[in-house]
Amino acid sequence: MRAPTLTDVARHAGVSYATADRVVNARGGVAEKSAERVRRAIAELGYVRNVAAANLSQGRTYRFAAIVPKGQDTIFSKMQGLLEREREKLALDRVELLIEQVEAFDPRQLADCLARLDRDGIDAVSLVGTNHPAVIEAMTLLRARGATIVTLVSDMPEEARDAYVGIDNAVAGRTVARLIGMAHGGQPGRVLPIVGAMTARDHAERLAGLREVLTETFPDIRLLHQIEGRDRPELVAARVGAALEAEKGITAIYSLGAGNPGLIEILRERSAPAPRPVVVVHELLEHSRAALEEGLIDVVIDQRPEDEIQRALEIMRRGADRLPPDPVAPLGAAIYVKENLPPEMGAKTGDD
C-alpha cells in the first residue's frame, strides 16, 4: 500500500493542493476552518510530510547542532565519531549538522553555546545537559523560539526539552547494586563509587539507585562516600589510589562516569598479590573492553550510543518537520562480562 501524498490530503480535505501545502508547511494565509480540515485529513490518512522534498521545494536547509562534552576515550568521543559519520547522510536531505564541543561539567560554557546557537537560528539541538539554572534558562528560551531540543545520556526538566534519549540511570544504579550484592555472596563489604560530578543528573541518579538497593537488600554492604573524578583519568587514578590506601576493606568499585583509564591503571598496579575488588564501569570502549578481557574489571554497563544517536536524530528531524515526537521509552542498557562481549567492529569472523 502506497503512502498518502499531499494530493491525497487536499482531496480528502476538499481543498486545493496549494491550501494543503500552505497548512503542511506552516506558511499561513489559510482560514482556520480549512486548516482544520487539512489537519484532520492528515491525521485520518496518516500522511507524513517528506522533509527532504519539502526542503528541496523551498530551497531550505535545516540546521541541527549536537553539543558534545570534550574528553578522549569517553562515550562522548564515541558519540562525536558517530555524529561525524551521520553528517554526510544528513546533507543529502538538506540538513546541516554542526558539532559543538564544550568542557564537561561547565554549565556556563554550555549555556553560552546554547545562546549562540539561538542567535544563529538553529532548528534542533541535542545535548548532554546539566541541571544548572543558566543551562535550563538557555534551553527554555531556545525551545520557546521553536527549536527542538533532545537531551542525551542525562535528562533535564521536561519544560526545557522535547525528548530524552538514553537509559534509565536510576535503574542502571539499582542493577549494579544487585550485581555487586550477588558477587558478595551474602558477605559484608564496602563499595567505593566514583562519579564525574554530582551536578551531573545521570551520575546522581545512578548513585541514588545504587544506594537504594544496597540499603534495602544488602544492608551488610556499606556504601562509602563518593569520590569525584571530573571524568579525568589522572584525577581518577590519584583519588582511587588514595582511597584504596586509606580504606583497606574496599570490596567493590563502581565507576558511574568516565575517566576509567585512570581506574584501570591503578587496578593493574594493584592486581597482585591481594585479590582486587569487584569492579563495574560504564560504557564499552576500547580501554574498558581490554580491561574486561584482561580480568581487571568484571562488568561493563553500556548505553548503546549508536542507538541513542539514531533516535535523537529521528526526533530532531520530526521536530524540524513540525511533527510531535514519538513517545520515547528509555533505552535498555547492555550488560557485558568477559564471556558475552560483542564482536569488535571490523574484526574478522570464522566465515571470512
C-alpha atoms as a PDB file:
ATOM      1  CA  MET A   1       0.000   0.000   0.000  1.00  0.00           C
ATOM      2  CA  ARG A   2       1.457   3.347  -1.054  1.00  0.00           C
ATOM      3  CA  ALA A   3       1.994   6.183   1.408  1.00  0.00           C
ATOM      4  CA  PRO A   4      -0.568   9.004   1.190  1.00  0.00           C
ATOM      5  CA  THR A   5       0.566  12.100  -0.700  1.00  0.00           C
ATOM      6  CA  LEU A   6      -0.217  15.770  -0.247  1.00  0.00           C
ATOM      7  CA  THR A   7      -2.576  15.464  -3.198  1.00  0.00           C
ATOM      8  CA  ASP A   8      -4.491  12.798  -1.266  1.00  0.00           C
ATOM      9  CA  VAL A   9      -4.657  15.106   1.749  1.00  0.00           C
ATOM     10  CA  ALA A  10      -6.013  18.006  -0.344  1.00  0.00           C
ATOM     11  CA  ARG A  11      -8.634  15.787  -1.980  1.00  0.00           C
ATOM     12  CA  HIS A  12      -9.681  14.257   1.366  1.00  0.00           C
ATOM     13  CA  ALA A  13      -9.974  17.715   2.956  1.00  0.00           C
ATOM     14  CA  GLY A  14     -11.825  19.207  -0.015  1.00  0.00           C
ATOM     15  CA  VAL A  15      -9.285  21.989  -0.516  1.00  0.00           C
ATOM     16  CA  SER A  16      -6.793  22.889  -3.222  1.00  0.00           C
ATOM     17  CA  TYR A  17      -3.296  21.456  -3.290  1.00  0.00           C
ATOM     18  CA  ALA A  18      -1.916  24.953  -2.648  1.00  0.00           C
ATOM     19  CA  THR A  19      -4.033  25.292   0.505  1.00  0.00           C
ATOM     20  CA  ALA A  20      -2.948  21.898   1.817  1.00  0.00           C
ATOM     21  CA  ASP A  21       0.663  22.784   1.063  1.00  0.00           C
ATOM     22  CA  ARG A  22       0.403  26.064   2.991  1.00  0.00           C
ATOM     23  CA  VAL A  23      -1.019  24.256   6.051  1.00  0.00           C
ATOM     24  CA  VAL A  24       1.523  21.421   5.992  1.00  0.00           C
ATOM     25  CA  ASN A  25       4.447  23.812   5.601  1.00  0.00           C
ATOM     26  CA  ALA A  26       3.039  26.330   8.134  1.00  0.00           C
ATOM     27  CA  ARG A  27       3.118  29.264   5.713  1.00  0.00           C
ATOM     28  CA  GLY A  28      -0.113  30.825   6.966  1.00  0.00           C
ATOM     29  CA  GLY A  29      -2.774  32.630   4.973  1.00  0.00           C
ATOM     30  CA  VAL A  30      -5.365  29.838   5.332  1.00  0.00           C
ATOM     31  CA  ALA A  31      -8.727  30.198   7.057  1.00  0.00           C
ATOM     32  CA  GLU A  32      -8.880  28.254  10.304  1.00  0.00           C
ATOM     33  CA  LYS A  33     -11.848  26.187   9.110  1.00  0.00           C
ATOM     34  CA  SER A  34      -9.915  24.996   6.035  1.00  0.00           C
ATOM     35  CA  ALA A  35      -6.741  24.482   8.049  1.00  0.00           C
ATOM     36  CA  GLU A  36      -8.646  22.293  10.489  1.00  0.00           C
ATOM     37  CA  ARG A  37      -9.967  20.156   7.617  1.00  0.00           C
ATOM     38  CA  VAL A  38      -6.429  19.690   6.347  1.00  0.00           C
ATOM     39  CA  ARG A  39      -5.142  18.733   9.790  1.00  0.00           C
ATOM     40  CA  ARG A  40      -7.990  16.241  10.171  1.00  0.00           C
ATOM     41  CA  ALA A  41      -7.212  14.743   6.753  1.00  0.00           C
ATOM     42  CA  ILE A  42      -3.540  14.400   7.719  1.00  0.00           C
ATOM     43  CA  ALA A  43      -4.496  12.512  10.873  1.00  0.00           C
ATOM     44  CA  GLU A  44      -7.061  10.270   9.149  1.00  0.00           C
ATOM     45  CA  LEU A  45      -4.785   9.373   6.245  1.00  0.00           C
ATOM     46  CA  GLY A  46      -1.600   9.076   8.295  1.00  0.00           C
ATOM     47  CA  TYR A  47       0.201  11.488   5.998  1.00  0.00           C
ATOM     48  CA  VAL A  48       3.845  12.179   6.887  1.00  0.00           C
ATOM     49  CA  ARG A  49       5.482  15.250   5.413  1.00  0.00           C
ATOM     50  CA  ASN A  50       8.664  14.459   3.480  1.00  0.00           C
ATOM     51  CA  VAL A  51      11.271  16.755   4.954  1.00  0.00           C
ATOM     52  CA  ALA A  52      13.743  16.215   2.117  1.00  0.00           C
ATOM     53  CA  ALA A  53      11.172  17.000  -0.582  1.00  0.00           C
ATOM     54  CA  ALA A  54       9.818  19.993   1.342  1.00  0.00           C
ATOM     55  CA  ASN A  55      13.284  21.402   1.891  1.00  0.00           C
ATOM     56  CA  LEU A  56      14.133  20.911  -1.771  1.00  0.00           C
ATOM     57  CA  SER A  57      10.962  22.651  -2.950  1.00  0.00           C
ATOM     58  CA  GLN A  58      11.536  25.565  -0.543  1.00  0.00           C
ATOM     59  CA  GLY A  59      15.282  25.723  -1.135  1.00  0.00           C
ATOM     60  CA  ARG A  60      15.781  25.414   2.600  1.00  0.00           C
ATOM     61  CA  THR A  61      18.492  23.680   4.595  1.00  0.00           C
ATOM     62  CA  TYR A  62      17.744  22.687   8.167  1.00  0.00           C
ATOM     63  CA  ARG A  63      20.440  23.405  10.725  1.00  0.00           C
ATOM     64  CA  PHE A  64      20.955  20.886  13.515  1.00  0.00           C
ATOM     65  CA  ALA A  65      23.534  21.097  16.299  1.00  0.00           C
ATOM     66  CA  ALA A  66      24.921  18.429  18.599  1.00  0.00           C
ATOM     67  CA  ILE A  67      26.698  19.709  21.713  1.00  0.00           C
ATOM     68  CA  VAL A  68      29.193  17.126  22.960  1.00  0.00           C
ATOM     69  CA  PRO A  69      31.353  17.336  26.114  1.00  0.00           C
ATOM     70  CA  LYS A  70      35.082  17.167  25.463  1.00  0.00           C
ATOM     71  CA  GLY A  71      37.031  14.125  26.523  1.00  0.00           C
ATOM     72  CA  GLN A  72      39.200  11.458  24.947  1.00  0.00           C
ATOM     73  CA  ASP A  73      38.322   7.766  25.239  1.00  0.00           C
ATOM     74  CA  THR A  74      34.825   8.502  26.577  1.00  0.00           C
ATOM     75  CA  ILE A  75      31.303   7.857  25.402  1.00  0.00           C
ATOM     76  CA  PHE A  76      31.295  11.463  24.224  1.00  0.00           C
ATOM     77  CA  SER A  77      34.247  10.968  21.887  1.00  0.00           C
ATOM     78  CA  LYS A  78      32.473   7.872  20.571  1.00  0.00           C
ATOM     79  CA  MET A  79      29.280   9.885  20.052  1.00  0.00           C
ATOM     80  CA  GLN A  80      31.214  12.564  18.215  1.00  0.00           C
ATOM     81  CA  GLY A  81      32.574   9.948  15.821  1.00  0.00           C
ATOM     82  CA  LEU A  82      29.076   8.597  15.224  1.00  0.00           C
ATOM     83  CA  LEU A  83      27.746  12.092  14.565  1.00  0.00           C
ATOM     84  CA  GLU A  84      30.538  12.867  12.119  1.00  0.00           C
ATOM     85  CA  ARG A  85      29.608   9.733  10.147  1.00  0.00           C
ATOM     86  CA  GLU A  86      25.951  10.843  10.055  1.00  0.00           C
ATOM     87  CA  ARG A  87      26.789  14.318   8.771  1.00  0.00           C
ATOM     88  CA  GLU A  88      27.166  13.264   5.122  1.00  0.00           C
ATOM     89  CA  LYS A  89      23.883  11.316   5.145  1.00  0.00           C
ATOM     90  CA  LEU A  90      22.029  14.281   6.624  1.00  0.00           C
ATOM     91  CA  ALA A  91      23.428  16.614   3.993  1.00  0.00           C
ATOM     92  CA  LEU A  92      21.626  14.570   1.316  1.00  0.00           C
ATOM     93  CA  ASP A  93      18.351  15.590   2.996  1.00  0.00           C
ATOM     94  CA  ARG A  94      19.449  19.236   3.108  1.00  0.00           C
ATOM     95  CA  VAL A  95      20.239  19.039   6.808  1.00  0.00           C
ATOM     96  CA  GLU A  96      23.425  20.702   8.054  1.00  0.00           C
ATOM     97  CA  LEU A  97      24.788  19.174  11.260  1.00  0.00           C
ATOM     98  CA  LEU A  98      27.026  21.287  13.472  1.00  0.00           C
ATOM     99  CA  ILE A  99      29.055  19.532  16.155  1.00  0.00           C
ATOM    100  CA  GLU A 100      29.951  21.773  19.082  1.00  0.00           C
ATOM    101  CA  GLN A 101      32.324  20.816  21.901  1.00  0.00           C
ATOM    102  CA  VAL A 102      32.186  22.177  25.453  1.00  0.00           C
ATOM    103  CA  GLU A 103      34.097  21.335  28.598  1.00  0.00           C
ATOM    104  CA  ALA A 104      32.472  18.599  30.662  1.00  0.00           C
ATOM    105  CA  PHE A 105      30.698  19.866  33.795  1.00  0.00           C
ATOM    106  CA  ASP A 106      30.991  23.519  32.709  1.00  0.00           C
ATOM    107  CA  PRO A 107      27.413  24.874  32.782  1.00  0.00           C
ATOM    108  CA  ARG A 108      28.382  28.421  31.845  1.00  0.00           C
ATOM    109  CA  GLN A 109      30.144  27.296  28.664  1.00  0.00           C
ATOM    110  CA  LEU A 110      27.163  25.105  27.776  1.00  0.00           C
ATOM    111  CA  ALA A 111      24.700  27.963  28.377  1.00  0.00           C
ATOM    112  CA  ASP A 112      26.806  30.301  26.239  1.00  0.00           C
ATOM    113  CA  CYS A 113      26.905  27.742  23.438  1.00  0.00           C
ATOM    114  CA  LEU A 114      23.108  27.394  23.544  1.00  0.00           C
ATOM    115  CA  ALA A 115      22.663  31.175  23.454  1.00  0.00           C
ATOM    116  CA  ARG A 116      24.955  31.433  20.429  1.00  0.00           C
ATOM    117  CA  LEU A 117      23.015  28.704  18.607  1.00  0.00           C
ATOM    118  CA  ASP A 118      19.794  30.549  19.422  1.00  0.00           C
ATOM    119  CA  ARG A 119      21.167  33.715  17.810  1.00  0.00           C
ATOM    120  CA  ASP A 120      22.207  31.666  14.766  1.00  0.00           C
ATOM    121  CA  GLY A 121      18.650  30.387  14.232  1.00  0.00           C
ATOM    122  CA  ILE A 122      19.296  26.681  14.814  1.00  0.00           C
ATOM    123  CA  ASP A 123      16.373  24.293  14.132  1.00  0.00           C
ATOM    124  CA  ALA A 124      17.196  21.433  16.514  1.00  0.00           C
ATOM    125  CA  VAL A 125      19.766  20.709  19.212  1.00  0.00           C
ATOM    126  CA  SER A 126      20.908  17.585  21.026  1.00  0.00           C
ATOM    127  CA  LEU A 127      22.995  17.918  24.161  1.00  0.00           C
ATOM    128  CA  VAL A 128      24.139  16.267  27.353  1.00  0.00           C
ATOM    129  CA  GLY A 129      22.513  18.553  29.862  1.00  0.00           C
ATOM    130  CA  THR A 130      23.311  19.599  33.377  1.00  0.00           C
ATOM    131  CA  ASN A 131      20.783  20.815  35.919  1.00  0.00           C
ATOM    132  CA  HIS A 132      22.124  24.341  36.237  1.00  0.00           C
ATOM    133  CA  PRO A 133      19.769  27.362  36.149  1.00  0.00           C
ATOM    134  CA  ALA A 134      21.717  29.091  33.360  1.00  0.00           C
ATOM    135  CA  VAL A 135      21.542  25.977  31.168  1.00  0.00           C
ATOM    136  CA  ILE A 136      17.849  25.410  31.850  1.00  0.00           C
ATOM    137  CA  GLU A 137      17.090  29.057  31.033  1.00  0.00           C
ATOM    138  CA  ALA A 138      19.061  28.920  27.769  1.00  0.00           C
ATOM    139  CA  MET A 139      17.321  25.683  26.743  1.00  0.00           C
ATOM    140  CA  THR A 140      13.879  27.071  27.599  1.00  0.00           C
ATOM    141  CA  LEU A 141      14.468  30.238  25.552  1.00  0.00           C
ATOM    142  CA  LEU A 142      15.774  28.271  22.590  1.00  0.00           C
ATOM    143  CA  ARG A 143      12.812  25.915  22.707  1.00  0.00           C
ATOM    144  CA  ALA A 144      10.329  28.805  23.008  1.00  0.00           C
ATOM    145  CA  ARG A 145      11.714  30.178  19.761  1.00  0.00           C
ATOM    146  CA  GLY A 146      10.739  26.926  18.060  1.00  0.00           C
ATOM    147  CA  ALA A 147      13.884  24.799  18.163  1.00  0.00           C
ATOM    148  CA  THR A 148      13.574  21.119  19.035  1.00  0.00           C
ATOM    149  CA  ILE A 149      15.773  20.080  21.974  1.00  0.00           C
ATOM    150  CA  VAL A 150      16.787  16.492  22.721  1.00  0.00           C
ATOM    151  CA  THR A 151      18.778  15.541  25.796  1.00  0.00           C
ATOM    152  CA  LEU A 152      21.154  12.580  25.664  1.00  0.00           C
ATOM    153  CA  VAL A 153      22.690  10.437  28.432  1.00  0.00           C
ATOM    154  CA  SER A 154      21.457  12.740  31.225  1.00  0.00           C
ATOM    155  CA  ASP A 155      17.892  14.071  31.363  1.00  0.00           C
ATOM    156  CA  MET A 156      16.682  17.600  32.076  1.00  0.00           C
ATOM    157  CA  PRO A 157      13.376  19.116  33.287  1.00  0.00           C
ATOM    158  CA  GLU A 158      10.560  18.456  30.801  1.00  0.00           C
ATOM    159  CA  GLU A 159       9.841  22.134  30.251  1.00  0.00           C
ATOM    160  CA  ALA A 160      13.374  22.592  28.898  1.00  0.00           C
ATOM    161  CA  ARG A 161      13.423  19.792  26.317  1.00  0.00           C
ATOM    162  CA  ASP A 162      11.220  17.929  23.829  1.00  0.00           C
ATOM    163  CA  ALA A 163      12.557  14.429  24.476  1.00  0.00           C
ATOM    164  CA  TYR A 164      15.169  12.484  26.424  1.00  0.00           C
ATOM    165  CA  VAL A 165      17.059   9.659  24.737  1.00  0.00           C
ATOM    166  CA  GLY A 166      19.075   7.393  26.993  1.00  0.00           C
ATOM    167  CA  ILE A 167      18.935   4.714  29.627  1.00  0.00           C
ATOM    168  CA  ASP A 168      17.062   4.976  32.918  1.00  0.00           C
ATOM    169  CA  ASN A 169      20.042   5.909  35.070  1.00  0.00           C
ATOM    170  CA  ALA A 170      18.374   5.066  38.383  1.00  0.00           C
ATOM    171  CA  VAL A 171      17.618   1.576  37.057  1.00  0.00           C
ATOM    172  CA  ALA A 172      21.261   1.267  35.972  1.00  0.00           C
ATOM    173  CA  GLY A 173      22.409   2.060  39.508  1.00  0.00           C
ATOM    174  CA  ARG A 174      19.955  -0.412  41.020  1.00  0.00           C
ATOM    175  CA  THR A 175      21.124  -3.086  38.582  1.00  0.00           C
ATOM    176  CA  VAL A 176      24.735  -2.540  39.571  1.00  0.00           C
ATOM    177  CA  ALA A 177      23.799  -2.812  43.256  1.00  0.00           C
ATOM    178  CA  ARG A 178      22.140  -6.164  42.551  1.00  0.00           C
ATOM    179  CA  LEU A 179      25.213  -7.424  40.678  1.00  0.00           C
ATOM    180  CA  ILE A 180      27.556  -6.293  43.464  1.00  0.00           C
ATOM    181  CA  GLY A 181      25.320  -7.879  46.096  1.00  0.00           C
ATOM    182  CA  MET A 182      25.285 -11.189  44.226  1.00  0.00           C
ATOM    183  CA  ALA A 183      29.067 -11.071  43.846  1.00  0.00           C
ATOM    184  CA  HIS A 184      29.450 -10.726  47.623  1.00  0.00           C
ATOM    185  CA  GLY A 185      27.515 -13.933  48.227  1.00  0.00           C
ATOM    186  CA  GLY A 186      25.952 -12.763  51.477  1.00  0.00           C
ATOM    187  CA  GLN A 187      29.230 -11.453  52.869  1.00  0.00           C
ATOM    188  CA  PRO A 188      29.709  -7.873  54.111  1.00  0.00           C
ATOM    189  CA  GLY A 189      31.591  -5.384  52.001  1.00  0.00           C
ATOM    190  CA  ARG A 190      32.385  -1.777  51.181  1.00  0.00           C
ATOM    191  CA  VAL A 191      31.625  -0.133  47.850  1.00  0.00           C
ATOM    192  CA  LEU A 192      33.595   2.834  46.523  1.00  0.00           C
ATOM    193  CA  PRO A 193      31.578   4.905  43.996  1.00  0.00           C
ATOM    194  CA  ILE A 194      33.367   7.149  41.502  1.00  0.00           C
ATOM    195  CA  VAL A 195      31.352   9.972  39.921  1.00  0.00           C
ATOM    196  CA  GLY A 196      32.337  12.614  37.416  1.00  0.00           C
ATOM    197  CA  ALA A 197      30.456  15.286  39.348  1.00  0.00           C
ATOM    198  CA  MET A 198      27.321  15.214  41.457  1.00  0.00           C
ATOM    199  CA  THR A 199      25.941  18.082  39.377  1.00  0.00           C
ATOM    200  CA  ALA A 200      25.527  15.564  36.549  1.00  0.00           C
ATOM    201  CA  ARG A 201      21.978  14.258  36.851  1.00  0.00           C
ATOM    202  CA  ASP A 202      22.822  10.859  35.358  1.00  0.00           C
ATOM    203  CA  HIS A 203      25.567  10.307  37.932  1.00  0.00           C
ATOM    204  CA  ALA A 204      23.340  11.428  40.805  1.00  0.00           C
ATOM    205  CA  GLU A 205      20.539   9.115  39.651  1.00  0.00           C
ATOM    206  CA  ARG A 206      22.885   6.127  39.284  1.00  0.00           C
ATOM    207  CA  LEU A 207      24.266   6.709  42.763  1.00  0.00           C
ATOM    208  CA  ALA A 208      20.761   7.029  44.240  1.00  0.00           C
ATOM    209  CA  GLY A 209      19.701   3.753  42.613  1.00  0.00           C
ATOM    210  CA  LEU A 210      22.826   2.028  43.920  1.00  0.00           C
ATOM    211  CA  ARG A 211      22.228   3.303  47.447  1.00  0.00           C
ATOM    212  CA  GLU A 212      18.554   2.311  47.406  1.00  0.00           C
ATOM    213  CA  VAL A 213      19.128  -1.368  46.626  1.00  0.00           C
ATOM    214  CA  LEU A 214      22.181  -1.756  48.846  1.00  0.00           C
ATOM    215  CA  THR A 215      20.262  -0.264  51.781  1.00  0.00           C
ATOM    216  CA  GLU A 216      17.117  -2.301  51.249  1.00  0.00           C
ATOM    217  CA  THR A 217      18.524  -5.625  50.080  1.00  0.00           C
ATOM    218  CA  PHE A 218      22.195  -5.813  51.071  1.00  0.00           C
ATOM    219  CA  PRO A 219      22.461  -3.894  54.359  1.00  0.00           C
ATOM    220  CA  ASP A 220      25.817  -5.507  55.208  1.00  0.00           C
ATOM    221  CA  ILE A 221      27.403  -3.909  52.164  1.00  0.00           C
ATOM    222  CA  ARG A 222      28.339  -0.366  53.102  1.00  0.00           C
ATOM    223  CA  LEU A 223      28.372   2.442  50.530  1.00  0.00           C
ATOM    224  CA  LEU A 224      31.370   4.699  51.037  1.00  0.00           C
ATOM    225  CA  HIS A 225      31.342   8.410  50.236  1.00  0.00           C
ATOM    226  CA  GLN A 226      31.773   9.006  46.514  1.00  0.00           C
ATOM    227  CA  ILE A 227      34.910  10.466  45.007  1.00  0.00           C
ATOM    228  CA  GLU A 228      34.656  12.970  42.144  1.00  0.00           C
ATOM    229  CA  GLY A 229      36.984  12.324  39.233  1.00  0.00           C
ATOM    230  CA  ARG A 230      35.611  15.004  36.854  1.00  0.00           C
ATOM    231  CA  ASP A 231      35.918  12.344  34.092  1.00  0.00           C
ATOM    232  CA  ARG A 232      39.699  12.962  34.090  1.00  0.00           C
ATOM    233  CA  PRO A 233      41.821   9.780  34.135  1.00  0.00           C
ATOM    234  CA  GLU A 234      44.720  11.325  36.057  1.00  0.00           C
ATOM    235  CA  LEU A 235      42.381  12.647  38.757  1.00  0.00           C
ATOM    236  CA  VAL A 236      40.514   9.337  38.991  1.00  0.00           C
ATOM    237  CA  ALA A 237      43.822   7.459  39.334  1.00  0.00           C
ATOM    238  CA  ALA A 238      45.071   9.758  42.097  1.00  0.00           C
ATOM    239  CA  ARG A 239      41.838   9.714  44.095  1.00  0.00           C
ATOM    240  CA  VAL A 240      41.163   5.992  43.727  1.00  0.00           C
ATOM    241  CA  GLY A 241      44.746   5.235  44.714  1.00  0.00           C
ATOM    242  CA  ALA A 242      44.386   7.406  47.812  1.00  0.00           C
ATOM    243  CA  ALA A 243      41.047   5.786  48.689  1.00  0.00           C
ATOM    244  CA  LEU A 244      42.496   2.273  48.417  1.00  0.00           C
ATOM    245  CA  GLU A 245      45.339   3.284  50.719  1.00  0.00           C
ATOM    246  CA  ALA A 246      43.043   4.880  53.274  1.00  0.00           C
ATOM    247  CA  GLU A 247      40.281   2.242  53.190  1.00  0.00           C
ATOM    248  CA  LYS A 248      41.743  -1.259  53.213  1.00  0.00           C
ATOM    249  CA  GLY A 249      38.372  -3.041  53.210  1.00  0.00           C
ATOM    250  CA  ILE A 250      37.057  -1.926  49.809  1.00  0.00           C
ATOM    251  CA  THR A 251      35.411  -4.940  48.170  1.00  0.00           C
ATOM    252  CA  ALA A 252      33.739  -3.269  45.166  1.00  0.00           C
ATOM    253  CA  ILE A 253      34.242  -0.222  42.957  1.00  0.00           C
ATOM    254  CA  TYR A 254      31.504   1.306  40.812  1.00  0.00           C
ATOM    255  CA  SER A 255      32.600   3.923  38.283  1.00  0.00           C
ATOM    256  CA  LEU A 256      29.488   5.862  37.287  1.00  0.00           C
ATOM    257  CA  GLY A 257      31.153   8.085  34.698  1.00  0.00           C
ATOM    258  CA  ALA A 258      34.298   8.418  32.587  1.00  0.00           C
ATOM    259  CA  GLY A 259      37.979   8.662  33.449  1.00  0.00           C
ATOM    260  CA  ASN A 260      38.213   4.875  33.588  1.00  0.00           C
ATOM    261  CA  PRO A 261      41.697   4.592  32.054  1.00  0.00           C
ATOM    262  CA  GLY A 262      42.929   6.039  35.363  1.00  0.00           C
ATOM    263  CA  LEU A 263      40.976   3.461  37.353  1.00  0.00           C
ATOM    264  CA  ILE A 264      42.292   0.644  35.165  1.00  0.00           C
ATOM    265  CA  GLU A 265      45.866   1.878  35.652  1.00  0.00           C
ATOM    266  CA  ILE A 266      45.502   1.682  39.440  1.00  0.00           C
ATOM    267  CA  LEU A 267      43.865  -1.751  39.259  1.00  0.00           C
ATOM    268  CA  ARG A 268      46.686  -3.065  37.092  1.00  0.00           C
ATOM    269  CA  GLU A 269      49.288  -1.768  39.554  1.00  0.00           C
ATOM    270  CA  ARG A 270      47.493  -3.435  42.493  1.00  0.00           C
ATOM    271  CA  SER A 271      46.304  -6.644  40.827  1.00  0.00           C
ATOM    272  CA  ALA A 272      48.689  -8.883  42.818  1.00  0.00           C
ATOM    273  CA  PRO A 273      49.080 -10.443  45.251  1.00  0.00           C
ATOM    274  CA  ALA A 274      45.862  -9.399  47.038  1.00  0.00           C
ATOM    275  CA  PRO A 275      42.507 -10.095  45.339  1.00  0.00           C
ATOM    276  CA  ARG A 276      41.088  -6.978  43.744  1.00  0.00           C
ATOM    277  CA  PRO A 277      37.604  -5.556  44.383  1.00  0.00           C
ATOM    278  CA  VAL A 278      34.625  -6.361  42.172  1.00  0.00           C
ATOM    279  CA  VAL A 279      34.642  -3.594  39.543  1.00  0.00           C
ATOM    280  CA  VAL A 280      31.732  -2.289  37.453  1.00  0.00           C
ATOM    281  CA  VAL A 281      32.143   0.567  34.956  1.00  0.00           C
ATOM    282  CA  HIS A 282      30.016   2.295  32.333  1.00  0.00           C
ATOM    283  CA  GLU A 283      30.469   2.256  28.545  1.00  0.00           C
ATOM    284  CA  LEU A 284      32.061  -0.362  26.322  1.00  0.00           C
ATOM    285  CA  LEU A 285      35.065   1.478  24.881  1.00  0.00           C
ATOM    286  CA  GLU A 286      38.466   0.272  23.776  1.00  0.00           C
ATOM    287  CA  HIS A 287      40.044   0.556  27.218  1.00  0.00           C
ATOM    288  CA  SER A 288      37.108  -0.959  29.131  1.00  0.00           C
ATOM    289  CA  ARG A 289      36.859  -3.834  26.674  1.00  0.00           C
ATOM    290  CA  ALA A 290      40.571  -4.571  27.032  1.00  0.00           C
ATOM    291  CA  ALA A 291      40.324  -4.399  30.828  1.00  0.00           C
ATOM    292  CA  LEU A 292      37.357  -6.786  30.790  1.00  0.00           C
ATOM    293  CA  GLU A 293      39.281  -9.256  28.633  1.00  0.00           C
ATOM    294  CA  GLU A 294      42.336  -8.899  30.870  1.00  0.00           C
ATOM    295  CA  GLY A 295      40.301  -9.592  34.001  1.00  0.00           C
ATOM    296  CA  LEU A 296      40.904  -6.197  35.598  1.00  0.00           C
ATOM    297  CA  ILE A 297      37.192  -5.328  35.722  1.00  0.00           C
ATOM    298  CA  ASP A 298      34.111  -7.533  35.888  1.00  0.00           C
ATOM    299  CA  VAL A 299      31.103  -5.805  34.286  1.00  0.00           C
ATOM    300  CA  VAL A 300      30.501  -3.041  31.746  1.00  0.00           C
ATOM    301  CA  ILE A 301      27.128  -1.286  31.565  1.00  0.00           C
ATOM    302  CA  ASP A 302      26.743   0.127  28.056  1.00  0.00           C
ATOM    303  CA  GLN A 303      24.041   2.574  26.980  1.00  0.00           C
ATOM    304  CA  ARG A 304      24.370   1.781  23.267  1.00  0.00           C
ATOM    305  CA  PRO A 305      25.343   5.217  21.925  1.00  0.00           C
ATOM    306  CA  GLU A 306      24.696   4.098  18.330  1.00  0.00           C
ATOM    307  CA  ASP A 307      21.001   3.728  19.150  1.00  0.00           C
ATOM    308  CA  GLU A 308      20.981   6.994  21.103  1.00  0.00           C
ATOM    309  CA  ILE A 309      22.330   8.992  18.176  1.00  0.00           C
ATOM    310  CA  GLN A 310      19.906   7.452  15.680  1.00  0.00           C
ATOM    311  CA  ARG A 311      16.876   8.054  17.916  1.00  0.00           C
ATOM    312  CA  ALA A 312      17.940  11.608  18.687  1.00  0.00           C
ATOM    313  CA  LEU A 313      18.354  12.468  15.011  1.00  0.00           C
ATOM    314  CA  GLU A 314      14.945  10.990  14.210  1.00  0.00           C
ATOM    315  CA  ILE A 315      13.330  13.195  16.879  1.00  0.00           C
ATOM    316  CA  MET A 316      15.228  16.249  15.636  1.00  0.00           C
ATOM    317  CA  ARG A 317      14.009  15.535  12.095  1.00  0.00           C
ATOM    318  CA  ARG A 318      10.410  15.270  13.273  1.00  0.00           C
ATOM    319  CA  GLY A 319      10.713  18.478  15.237  1.00  0.00           C
ATOM    320  CA  ALA A 320      12.176  20.367  12.292  1.00  0.00           C
ATOM    321  CA  ASP A 321       9.357  18.924  10.216  1.00  0.00           C
ATOM    322  CA  ARG A 322       6.895  20.369  12.773  1.00  0.00           C
ATOM    323  CA  LEU A 323       5.718  16.933  13.843  1.00  0.00           C
ATOM    324  CA  PRO A 324       5.358  15.920  17.514  1.00  0.00           C
ATOM    325  CA  PRO A 325       7.999  13.497  18.797  1.00  0.00           C
ATOM    326  CA  ASP A 326       7.019   9.868  19.043  1.00  0.00           C
ATOM    327  CA  PRO A 327       6.911   8.552  22.628  1.00  0.00           C
ATOM    328  CA  VAL A 328      10.443   7.609  23.657  1.00  0.00           C
ATOM    329  CA  ALA A 329      10.943   4.791  26.147  1.00  0.00           C
ATOM    330  CA  PRO A 330      14.269   4.559  27.986  1.00  0.00           C
ATOM    331  CA  LEU A 331      16.874   2.509  26.188  1.00  0.00           C
ATOM    332  CA  GLY A 332      17.712  -0.849  27.696  1.00  0.00           C
ATOM    333  CA  ALA A 333      21.321  -0.892  28.846  1.00  0.00           C
ATOM    334  CA  ALA A 334      23.541  -3.744  27.683  1.00  0.00           C
ATOM    335  CA  ILE A 335      25.392  -5.667  30.407  1.00  0.00           C
ATOM    336  CA  TYR A 336      28.710  -7.131  29.308  1.00  0.00           C
ATOM    337  CA  VAL A 337      31.030  -9.553  31.041  1.00  0.00           C
ATOM    338  CA  LYS A 338      34.132 -11.142  29.559  1.00  0.00           C
ATOM    339  CA  GLU A 339      32.169 -14.055  28.121  1.00  0.00           C
ATOM    340  CA  ASN A 340      29.482 -12.158  26.165  1.00  0.00           C
ATOM    341  CA  LEU A 341      31.425  -9.334  24.541  1.00  0.00           C
ATOM    342  CA  PRO A 342      30.133  -8.440  21.068  1.00  0.00           C
ATOM    343  CA  PRO A 343      32.494  -8.766  18.085  1.00  0.00           C
ATOM    344  CA  GLU A 344      34.732  -5.763  17.632  1.00  0.00           C
ATOM    345  CA  MET A 345      33.845  -3.511  14.724  1.00  0.00           C
ATOM    346  CA  GLY A 346      35.863  -4.562  11.702  1.00  0.00           C
ATOM    347  CA  ALA A 347      37.007  -7.794  13.321  1.00  0.00           C
ATOM    348  CA  LYS A 348      37.179 -10.851  11.091  1.00  0.00           C
ATOM    349  CA  THR A 349      34.964 -13.832  11.804  1.00  0.00           C
ATOM    350  CA  GLY A 350      35.391 -17.510  11.019  1.00  0.00           C
ATOM    351  CA  ASP A 351      33.279 -17.015   7.882  1.00  0.00           C
ATOM    352  CA  ASP A 352      35.778 -14.614   6.311  1.00  0.00           C
END
